[in-house]
Amino acid sequence: MSRAETGAETGAETGAETGVETDAETGVEAGAGAEAARVPAGGAVRARPLWSLGLFRSELVITFRRWRTLALLAVLAAVPVLVGIAVRIETSDGGSIGGGGEEGGPAFISQVTNNGLFLVFTSLAATLPFFLPMTVGVIAGDSVAGEAGGGTLRYLLVAPAGRTRLLAAKFTTILAFCLAATLTVAVSALITGALLFPTGEVTLLSGTTVSFGEGLLRALAIAVAVAVSLVGLAALGLFISTLTNSGIAAMAATVGLLITVQIVNTIPQLHAVHPYLFPNYWLSFADLLRDPVYWDEVLKNLGLQALYTALFTSAAWARFTGRDITA
């Protein structure tokens, strides 16, 4: 389904929701009395709903049917396989994988050979610094700018969807991709870990042993926490996407900014600004593998992502609703 066809379908759906007759081919309000068509017989004006499931479904289908999106998800799915094979080869002669501490990375890396479930946590830790946020940056950066560059953004706004509803649908689609990307890594790692390593009761980082079922629930909670960690970057990418008509420029700017912030976050001399950088608490999800859970940095991460989301979605809305759409 092409963007033009989907845009027409979305126009028809949104027209139906608002009670306005639309042209089947363009999604444009039909007739000179379109404004009057919005007014019911009783004379009361029915306000357009802020949310449209049809609009969101359209954006979701278009995003996940693109070859670029499928390729990004395939790369993410391949990372746990490569990590699992590397660990298997490294330990095939009875050796062990170092872990824990500043140099060894998160402490659970050393537990992969004892329980394949730990490959989920290891893979999320391996992809979170760059691979996962890079894919989110590509999708977020292209969300609005790609439409403008392709000449379809103005066409979409012809339909009575409204700029706020369109932007909300696009941001929700980006959030759905954040969750889908994280779950892709987690599911691939779970399958690979079960095939290459033993599974069973899970020994947490605090030394407590829990059942495999509870371990799976913690893995799901960690996957959701990682997805939420990417929300701030998603909002930043959406804002950058509203600043330009070039999808490539928006994607490059988002990924470039991500790399810059990551570098700044590793410079000890700039430790004063680290708590305010969106990736600073990304690896705090490891604290969910303790009993009791250490909530301090987890909550700091959630609060920081909420702050970035509120700031940059507001900026994106202000820019997009006041922007002169020429493409």
Foldseek 3Di string as FASTA:
>chain_A
DDPQQLLLVLLCQQCVQQQFHADSRQSAGDDPCRVVSQADPVRDGDDRDLEDPSLLVSLLCVQCPDPVLVVLLVVLLVQLLVVLVVQLVCCVVPDFQDADDDPRHHRLVRCLQVALLSSLVVSCRVCLLASLLLSLLLLLLCLQLVCLLVVNNVSSVSRVNDQSNNLVSSLVSSLVSLLVSLVSNNVSSSVSSVVRHPHFWDQFPQRDTDTRVVSVVLSVVLSVLLSLLSLLLSLQLNLLNLPHNHSVVSSCVSSVVSVVLSVCLPDVVNVVCLLLRSCNLNSLSSQSRDVVRDCVSSVSNNVSSVVSNVVRNVSSCVSRNPDDRDD
